Amino acid sequence: MRTLGWALRLLFHTRGNTMTSLHRKDLGLLALRTAVGGVLFAHGAQKLFGWFGGGGLEGTAQAMEQMGFEPGDRNALAAGLGEAGGGALLAAGLATPVAGSVVAGTMAGAIAVHYPAGFFAHGGGYEYPALLGACGLALAVSGPGCYSVDAASGHALGRPWMGVLAFAASALGAVAVVSRRQDVVRRREARAADEAAGENGTGLS
């Protein structure tokens, strides 16, 4: 009990104690990293391996094709790697600026898909990917804290410029993927309209 009481005082008593305040900040970053990273890894594992009731690469590729992401297999692999890889790196606190930026870029693509449905998740909106993307970007900016692989390795893979480059590459990739999807959706809609017009013309004749 004495040990527990000492630990609680160390965690929550900050008056005049800068080190304790920093300790709490690092614990908060650790909790945020593991929570967000774990959720992202689980979603990526659904896409890649079919874990946790997911469709695996084949099922995810089919779903991607239906949504207009062609080719479906490549987009499924990229989405799965972005979520699982980025989530695992965030949880470990390894290459955090890069991992957070990749997560933000991946979620930007998901936001674009859900955007027409509005904001709130219960209506199919982009609320959830926006939250995950914001968390990834925040961790990329703040850093992982001292309880991380980056801190233990002297931030060899956690340089700020790495995060900037990763974010730029992820953002450009997301824009390219979403633009291609919009083109595919427009072509499908035009083809469906032509087929409907042809059927109507046949019926009239």
Protein backbone atom coordinates (compact mmCIF):
# COMPACT_ATOMS: atom_id res chain seq x y z
CA MET A 1 0.00 0.00 0.00
CA ARG A 2 2.86 2.37 0.79
CA THR A 3 4.33 1.71 -2.65
CA LEU A 4 0.97 2.41 -4.30
CA GLY A 5 0.54 5.62 -2.33
CA TRP A 6 4.03 6.76 -3.30
CA ALA A 7 3.34 6.03 -6.97
CA LEU A 8 0.08 7.98 -6.90
CA ARG A 9 1.73 10.95 -5.23
CA LEU A 10 4.51 10.84 -7.83
CA LEU A 11 1.96 10.75 -10.65
CA PHE A 12 -0.48 13.41 -9.50
CA HIS A 13 1.47 15.81 -7.27
CA THR A 14 2.94 18.54 -9.49
CA ARG A 15 3.23 21.58 -7.23
CA GLY A 16 6.76 22.89 -7.54
CA ASN A 17 7.91 19.71 -9.20
CA THR A 18 8.72 20.13 -12.89
CA MET A 19 10.06 16.62 -13.27
CA THR A 20 6.80 15.13 -12.01
CA SER A 21 4.86 17.26 -14.49
CA LEU A 22 7.06 16.00 -17.33
CA HIS A 23 6.62 12.46 -16.05
CA ARG A 24 2.84 12.82 -16.30
CA LYS A 25 3.11 14.24 -19.82
CA ASP A 26 5.19 11.26 -20.93
CA LEU A 27 2.71 8.84 -19.40
CA GLY A 28 -0.11 10.63 -21.22
CA LEU A 29 1.73 10.36 -24.53
CA LEU A 30 2.37 6.68 -23.87
CA ALA A 31 -1.33 6.08 -23.20
CA LEU A 32 -2.36 8.01 -26.32
CA ARG A 33 0.19 6.24 -28.52
CA THR A 34 -0.76 2.75 -27.39
CA ALA A 35 -4.51 3.41 -27.65
CA VAL A 36 -4.43 5.03 -31.10
CA GLY A 37 -1.73 2.69 -32.36
CA GLY A 38 -3.59 -0.37 -31.13
CA VAL A 39 -6.84 0.68 -32.82
CA LEU A 40 -5.06 1.40 -36.09
CA PHE A 41 -3.13 -1.87 -35.99
CA ALA A 42 -6.35 -3.82 -35.43
CA HIS A 43 -8.01 -2.18 -38.45
CA GLY A 44 -4.94 -2.81 -40.59
CA ALA A 45 -4.78 -6.44 -39.46
CA GLN A 46 -8.41 -6.86 -40.53
CA LYS A 47 -7.47 -5.73 -44.02
CA LEU A 48 -4.18 -7.60 -44.32
CA PHE A 49 -4.77 -10.87 -42.47
CA GLY A 50 -8.51 -11.15 -41.88
CA TRP A 51 -8.00 -10.91 -38.12
CA PHE A 52 -10.73 -9.64 -35.77
CA GLY A 53 -13.45 -10.53 -38.25
CA GLY A 54 -11.90 -8.67 -41.17
CA GLY A 55 -12.08 -9.61 -44.81
CA GLY A 56 -8.35 -10.04 -45.40
CA LEU A 57 -6.68 -8.78 -48.54
CA GLU A 58 -9.12 -10.51 -50.89
CA GLY A 59 -12.26 -9.25 -49.18
CA THR A 60 -10.82 -5.79 -48.68
CA ALA A 61 -9.76 -5.62 -52.33
CA GLN A 62 -13.31 -6.45 -53.43
CA ALA A 63 -14.71 -3.77 -51.15
CA MET A 64 -12.17 -1.27 -52.45
CA GLU A 65 -13.13 -2.05 -56.04
CA GLN A 66 -16.80 -1.49 -55.24
CA MET A 67 -15.99 1.90 -53.70
CA GLY A 68 -14.04 2.92 -56.80
CA PHE A 69 -10.50 2.32 -55.60
CA GLU A 70 -8.89 0.61 -58.58
CA PRO A 71 -6.93 -1.59 -58.59
CA GLY A 72 -8.49 -2.96 -55.43
CA ASP A 73 -5.63 -5.26 -54.43
CA ARG A 74 -3.02 -2.52 -54.42
CA ASN A 75 -5.23 -0.08 -52.55
CA ALA A 76 -6.17 -2.74 -50.00
CA LEU A 77 -2.50 -3.51 -49.40
CA ALA A 78 -1.59 0.17 -49.09
CA ALA A 79 -4.45 0.89 -46.67
CA GLY A 80 -3.66 -2.16 -44.57
CA LEU A 81 0.04 -1.37 -44.38
CA GLY A 82 -0.65 2.28 -43.57
CA GLU A 83 -2.93 1.37 -40.69
CA ALA A 84 -1.14 -1.70 -39.30
CA GLY A 85 2.39 -0.38 -39.87
CA GLY A 86 1.64 3.14 -38.74
CA GLY A 87 -0.26 1.89 -35.72
CA ALA A 88 2.51 -0.47 -34.63
CA LEU A 89 5.15 2.24 -35.00
CA LEU A 90 3.04 4.73 -33.04
CA ALA A 91 2.44 2.27 -30.22
CA ALA A 92 6.16 1.53 -29.98
CA GLY A 93 7.14 5.17 -30.37
CA LEU A 94 9.44 4.34 -33.27
CA ALA A 95 9.92 6.83 -36.12
CA THR A 96 7.01 8.70 -34.56
CA PRO A 97 6.99 11.77 -36.86
CA VAL A 98 6.94 9.47 -39.89
CA ALA A 99 4.36 7.08 -38.41
CA GLY A 100 2.03 9.88 -37.35
CA SER A 101 2.28 11.54 -40.75
CA VAL A 102 1.57 8.27 -42.57
CA VAL A 103 -1.48 7.71 -40.36
CA ALA A 104 -2.71 11.24 -41.06
CA GLY A 105 -2.30 10.74 -44.81
CA THR A 106 -4.05 7.36 -44.74
CA MET A 107 -6.95 8.80 -42.77
CA ALA A 108 -7.20 11.72 -45.21
CA GLY A 109 -8.13 9.22 -47.89
CA ALA A 110 -10.75 7.68 -45.62
CA ILE A 111 -12.16 11.13 -44.82
CA ALA A 112 -12.60 11.85 -48.53
CA VAL A 113 -14.62 8.64 -48.95
CA HIS A 114 -16.92 9.34 -46.01
CA TYR A 115 -17.19 13.10 -46.54
CA PRO A 116 -20.41 13.03 -48.62
CA ALA A 117 -22.20 11.34 -45.69
CA GLY A 118 -21.51 14.25 -43.35
CA PHE A 119 -19.53 14.42 -40.13
CA PHE A 120 -21.07 12.04 -37.60
CA ALA A 121 -20.08 8.37 -37.61
CA HIS A 122 -23.60 7.02 -36.98
CA GLY A 123 -24.59 8.26 -40.42
CA GLY A 124 -21.49 6.92 -42.14
CA GLY A 125 -19.62 10.21 -41.85
CA TYR A 126 -15.94 11.00 -41.49
CA GLU A 127 -15.87 11.63 -37.73
CA TYR A 128 -13.85 8.51 -36.85
CA PRO A 129 -11.04 8.75 -39.45
CA ALA A 130 -10.79 12.48 -38.73
CA LEU A 131 -10.19 11.76 -35.05
CA LEU A 132 -7.55 9.11 -35.77
CA GLY A 133 -5.84 11.32 -38.33
CA ALA A 134 -5.76 14.25 -35.91
CA CYS A 135 -4.23 12.03 -33.22
CA GLY A 136 -1.59 10.79 -35.63
CA LEU A 137 -0.70 14.31 -36.71
CA ALA A 138 -0.60 15.53 -33.09
CA LEU A 139 1.81 12.75 -32.13
CA ALA A 140 3.96 13.50 -35.17
CA VAL A 141 4.29 17.09 -33.92
CA SER A 142 4.57 16.46 -30.17
CA GLY A 143 6.87 13.45 -30.32
CA PRO A 144 6.43 10.16 -28.49
CA GLY A 145 7.69 11.11 -25.03
CA CYS A 146 10.47 9.44 -23.08
CA TYR A 147 8.77 6.03 -22.86
CA SER A 148 9.46 5.15 -26.48
CA VAL A 149 11.92 3.47 -28.79
CA ASP A 150 12.71 6.85 -30.32
CA ALA A 151 13.81 8.22 -26.95
CA ALA A 152 15.86 5.12 -26.20
CA SER A 153 17.63 5.34 -29.57
CA GLY A 154 18.36 9.05 -29.42
CA HIS A 155 15.60 9.85 -31.95
CA ALA A 156 17.69 8.46 -34.79
CA LEU A 157 14.49 7.83 -36.79
CA GLY A 158 12.46 10.58 -35.18
CA ARG A 159 13.84 13.73 -36.77
CA PRO A 160 11.24 16.44 -37.43
CA TRP A 161 12.25 16.77 -41.08
CA MET A 162 11.44 13.10 -41.59
CA GLY A 163 7.89 13.78 -40.45
CA VAL A 164 7.56 16.75 -42.81
CA LEU A 165 8.67 14.66 -45.78
CA ALA A 166 6.44 11.75 -44.77
CA PHE A 167 3.42 14.03 -44.37
CA ALA A 168 4.01 15.65 -47.76
CA ALA A 169 4.36 12.26 -49.43
CA SER A 170 1.29 10.87 -47.65
CA ALA A 171 -0.81 13.92 -48.50
CA LEU A 172 0.18 13.80 -52.16
CA GLY A 173 -0.51 10.07 -52.25
CA ALA A 174 -3.93 10.55 -50.68
CA VAL A 175 -4.80 13.28 -53.19
CA ALA A 176 -3.74 11.05 -56.10
CA VAL A 177 -5.72 8.05 -54.83
CA VAL A 178 -8.87 10.08 -54.12
CA SER A 179 -8.67 11.86 -57.50
CA ARG A 180 -8.35 8.53 -59.29
CA ARG A 181 -11.34 7.19 -57.36
CA GLN A 182 -13.44 10.20 -58.36
CA ASP A 183 -12.58 9.57 -62.00
CA VAL A 184 -13.58 5.91 -61.66
CA VAL A 185 -16.87 6.81 -59.98
CA ARG A 186 -17.69 9.35 -62.70
CA ARG A 187 -16.95 6.83 -65.45
CA ARG A 188 -19.16 4.24 -63.77
CA GLU A 189 -22.00 6.73 -63.39
CA ALA A 190 -21.70 7.79 -67.04
CA ARG A 191 -21.67 4.15 -68.18
CA ALA A 192 -24.72 3.36 -66.05
CA ALA A 193 -26.54 6.37 -67.50
CA ASP A 194 -25.70 5.29 -71.05
CA GLU A 195 -26.91 1.75 -70.37
CA ALA A 196 -30.14 3.06 -68.86
CA ALA A 197 -30.69 5.33 -71.86
CA GLY A 198 -30.06 2.41 -74.22
CA GLU A 199 -32.57 0.22 -72.41
CA ASN A 200 -35.17 2.98 -72.52
CA GLY A 201 -34.57 3.45 -76.25
CA THR A 202 -34.96 -0.28 -76.87
CA GLY A 203 -38.19 -0.35 -74.92
CA LEU A 204 -39.65 2.56 -76.86
CA SER A 205 -38.84 0.98 -80.21
